[in-house]
C-alpha atoms as a PDB file:
ATOM      1  CA  MET A   1      -0.253   0.094  -0.397  1.00  0.00           C
ATOM      2  CA  THR A   2       2.808   2.363   1.195  1.00  0.00           C
ATOM      3  CA  SER A   3       4.379   1.862  -2.527  1.00  0.00           C
ATOM      4  CA  ASP A   4       2.475   4.514  -4.245  1.00  0.00           C
ATOM      5  CA  VAL A   5       3.331   7.298  -1.336  1.00  0.00           C
ATOM      6  CA  PRO A   6       4.540  10.560  -2.649  1.00  0.00           C
ATOM      7  CA  LYS A   7       8.499  10.281  -1.363  1.00  0.00           C
ATOM      8  CA  PRO A   8      11.447  12.822  -1.499  1.00  0.00           C
ATOM      9  CA  GLY A   9      13.750  11.678  -4.364  1.00  0.00           C
ATOM     10  CA  GLN A  10      11.510   9.133  -6.272  1.00  0.00           C
ATOM     11  CA  PRO A  11       9.945  10.403  -9.115  1.00  0.00           C
ATOM     12  CA  VAL A  12       5.845  12.188  -8.281  1.00  0.00           C
ATOM     13  CA  ARG A  13       3.970  13.552 -10.715  1.00  0.00           C
ATOM     14  CA  GLY A  14       5.655  16.918 -11.727  1.00  0.00           C
ATOM     15  CA  SER A  15       9.043  15.781 -10.990  1.00  0.00           C
ATOM     16  CA  LYS A  16      11.165  12.824 -12.119  1.00  0.00           C
ATOM     17  CA  THR A  17      13.741  13.136  -9.388  1.00  0.00           C
ATOM     18  CA  GLY A  18      10.952  13.671  -6.930  1.00  0.00           C
ATOM     19  CA  LYS A  19      12.279  17.005  -5.181  1.00  0.00           C
ATOM     20  CA  PRO A  20      11.280  17.271  -1.676  1.00  0.00           C
ATOM     21  CA  ILE A  21       8.401  20.195  -2.266  1.00  0.00           C
ATOM     22  CA  MET A  22       6.853  18.227  -5.728  1.00  0.00           C
ATOM     23  CA  ALA A  23       6.279  15.131  -3.494  1.00  0.00           C
ATOM     24  CA  LEU A  24       5.136  17.382  -0.831  1.00  0.00           C
ATOM     25  CA  PHE A  25       2.846  18.607  -3.159  1.00  0.00           C
ATOM     26  CA  ASP A  26       1.364  14.828  -4.734  1.00  0.00           C
ATOM     27  CA  LEU A  27       0.781  14.343  -1.655  1.00  0.00           C
ATOM     28  CA  LEU A  28      -1.492  16.885  -0.477  1.00  0.00           C
ATOM     29  CA  GLY A  29      -2.770  17.201  -3.715  1.00  0.00           C
ATOM     30  CA  ARG A  30      -4.357  14.128  -3.135  1.00  0.00           C
ATOM     31  CA  SER A  31      -8.316  14.363  -2.485  1.00  0.00           C
ATOM     32  CA  TRP A  32      -9.867  14.358   0.897  1.00  0.00           C
ATOM     33  CA  ALA A  33      -5.401  14.610   1.870  1.00  0.00           C
ATOM     34  CA  LEU A  34      -5.664  18.914   2.834  1.00  0.00           C
ATOM     35  CA  GLY A  35      -9.817  18.457   4.371  1.00  0.00           C
ATOM     36  CA  ILE A  36      -8.004  15.154   6.580  1.00  0.00           C
ATOM     37  CA  LEU A  37      -5.337  17.197   7.785  1.00  0.00           C
ATOM     38  CA  TRP A  38      -7.628  20.130   8.707  1.00  0.00           C
ATOM     39  CA  GLN A  39     -10.197  18.315  10.573  1.00  0.00           C
ATOM     40  CA  LEU A  40      -7.559  17.018  12.891  1.00  0.00           C
ATOM     41  CA  SER A  41      -5.964  19.799  13.743  1.00  0.00           C
ATOM     42  CA  GLU A  42      -9.073  20.253  16.338  1.00  0.00           C
ATOM     43  CA  GLY A  43      -7.938  17.065  17.542  1.00  0.00           C
ATOM     44  CA  ALA A  44      -8.313  13.321  17.370  1.00  0.00           C
ATOM     45  CA  LEU A  45     -10.475  12.147  15.647  1.00  0.00           C
ATOM     46  CA  THR A  46     -11.945   8.024  15.240  1.00  0.00           C
ATOM     47  CA  PHE A  47     -12.512   7.030  11.993  1.00  0.00           C
ATOM     48  CA  ARG A  48     -16.274   7.361  11.906  1.00  0.00           C
ATOM     49  CA  ALA A  49     -15.521  10.654  13.417  1.00  0.00           C
ATOM     50  CA  LEU A  50     -13.613  11.881  10.583  1.00  0.00           C
ATOM     51  CA  GLN A  51     -15.758  10.750   8.284  1.00  0.00           C
ATOM     52  CA  ASP A  52     -18.823  12.329   9.010  1.00  0.00           C
ATOM     53  CA  ARG A  53     -16.794  15.900   9.487  1.00  0.00           C
ATOM     54  CA  CYS A  54     -15.087  15.487   5.624  1.00  0.00           C
ATOM     55  CA  GLU A  55     -18.922  15.313   4.692  1.00  0.00           C
ATOM     56  CA  GLN A  56     -19.109  11.310   3.950  1.00  0.00           C
ATOM     57  CA  LEU A  57     -16.193  10.583   2.062  1.00  0.00           C
ATOM     58  CA  SER A  58     -16.259   6.813   1.753  1.00  0.00           C
ATOM     59  CA  PRO A  59     -14.538   4.610   4.032  1.00  0.00           C
ATOM     60  CA  SER A  60     -11.818   3.501   1.200  1.00  0.00           C
ATOM     61  CA  VAL A  61     -10.416   6.761   0.389  1.00  0.00           C
ATOM     62  CA  LEU A  62     -10.783   7.862   3.993  1.00  0.00           C
ATOM     63  CA  ASN A  63      -9.083   4.889   4.638  1.00  0.00           C
ATOM     64  CA  ARG A  64      -6.263   5.173   1.832  1.00  0.00           C
ATOM     65  CA  ARG A  65      -5.521   9.191   2.460  1.00  0.00           C
ATOM     66  CA  LEU A  66      -4.915   7.671   6.220  1.00  0.00           C
ATOM     67  CA  LYS A  67      -2.390   4.773   5.685  1.00  0.00           C
ATOM     68  CA  GLU A  68      -1.174   7.308   3.035  1.00  0.00           C
ATOM     69  CA  LEU A  69       0.001  10.380   5.549  1.00  0.00           C
ATOM     70  CA  SER A  70       0.752   7.665   8.346  1.00  0.00           C
ATOM     71  CA  ALA A  71       3.424   6.505   5.935  1.00  0.00           C
ATOM     72  CA  SER A  72       4.506  10.279   5.659  1.00  0.00           C
ATOM     73  CA  GLY A  73       4.762  10.946   9.046  1.00  0.00           C
ATOM     74  CA  LEU A  74       1.790  12.793   9.037  1.00  0.00           C
ATOM     75  CA  VAL A  75      -0.934  11.225  11.244  1.00  0.00           C
ATOM     76  CA  CYS A  76      -1.463   8.786  14.190  1.00  0.00           C
ATOM     77  CA  ARG A  77      -3.112   6.636  15.587  1.00  0.00           C
ATOM     78  CA  GLY A  78      -3.409   7.593  19.053  1.00  0.00           C
ATOM     79  CA  ASP A  79      -5.491   6.770  21.883  1.00  0.00           C
ATOM     80  CA  GLU A  80      -8.403   8.177  21.115  1.00  0.00           C
ATOM     81  CA  GLY A  81      -8.033   8.173  17.380  1.00  0.00           C
ATOM     82  CA  TYR A  82      -6.275   9.702  13.773  1.00  0.00           C
ATOM     83  CA  GLU A  83      -3.984  13.109  15.062  1.00  0.00           C
ATOM     84  CA  LEU A  84      -1.277  14.509  13.651  1.00  0.00           C
ATOM     85  CA  THR A  85       1.963  14.082  14.595  1.00  0.00           C
ATOM     86  CA  ALA A  86       4.253  17.039  15.838  1.00  0.00           C
ATOM     87  CA  MET A  87       5.373  16.921  11.892  1.00  0.00           C
ATOM     88  CA  GLY A  88       1.994  17.156  10.702  1.00  0.00           C
ATOM     89  CA  GLN A  89       1.427  20.153  13.271  1.00  0.00           C
ATOM     90  CA  ASP A  90       3.765  21.406  11.577  1.00  0.00           C
ATOM     91  CA  LEU A  91       3.555  21.345   8.374  1.00  0.00           C
ATOM     92  CA  PHE A  92      -0.621  22.478   9.487  1.00  0.00           C
ATOM     93  CA  SER A  93       1.021  26.192  10.835  1.00  0.00           C
ATOM     94  CA  LEU A  94       2.180  26.935   7.238  1.00  0.00           C
ATOM     95  CA  LEU A  95      -1.087  25.785   5.743  1.00  0.00           C
ATOM     96  CA  GLN A  96      -3.737  27.726   8.828  1.00  0.00           C
ATOM     97  CA  PRO A  97      -3.093  31.171   7.076  1.00  0.00           C
ATOM     98  CA  PHE A  98      -4.131  29.598   3.520  1.00  0.00           C
ATOM     99  CA  GLY A  99      -7.514  29.817   5.642  1.00  0.00           C
ATOM    100  CA  GLY A 100      -7.948  33.376   6.288  1.00  0.00           C
ATOM    101  CA  TRP A 101      -6.795  34.180   3.330  1.00  0.00           C
ATOM    102  CA  SER A 102      -8.989  32.256   1.438  1.00  0.00           C
ATOM    103  CA  GLU A 103     -12.431  33.799   2.973  1.00  0.00           C
ATOM    104  CA  GLN A 104     -10.671  37.128   1.825  1.00  0.00           C
ATOM    105  CA  TRP A 105     -10.729  35.829  -1.356  1.00  0.00           C
ATOM    106  CA  ALA A 106     -14.167  34.179  -1.275  1.00  0.00           C
ATOM    107  CA  GLU A 107     -15.358  38.107  -0.087  1.00  0.00           C
ATOM    108  CA  ALA A 108     -13.301  39.842  -3.028  1.00  0.00           C
ATOM    109  CA  LEU A 109     -14.996  37.071  -5.287  1.00  0.00           C
ATOM    110  CA  GLY A 110     -18.507  37.468  -3.767  1.00  0.00           C
ATOM    111  CA  ALA A 111     -18.969  33.879  -3.137  1.00  0.00           C
ATOM    112  CA  PRO A 112     -20.844  32.704  -0.498  1.00  0.00           C
ATOM    113  CA  ASP A 113     -20.256  32.000   2.843  1.00  0.00           C
ATOM    114  CA  GLY A 114     -18.877  27.999   2.926  1.00  0.00           C
ATOM    115  CA  GLY A 115     -19.901  27.674   6.688  1.00  0.00           C
ATOM    116  CA  ASP A 116     -16.968  25.887   7.246  1.00  0.00           C
END
């Protein structure tokens, strides 16, 4: 399962040499990867709770993403469910400003509030 997980130094989407940033973008560009990280930033969640927060994404996709994010050192299984590792928390701290920026962007485009 983990053989298709993007890793620095190995060919990934957009990079034959596997530059670390391209491996990260490949991983985060997979469906629901960012959504899972965003939801886990609020604390540990069980599989079912995470699935509910991710708008009922299919169990197979959620399971696959959790395995990939775990193999990449960003998510782990704790006593209370899935949670971000220290490295996952570091990554989220870099991603978090995009939340505020996206609200300003939506407002500038006149988009309705998404409710999240």
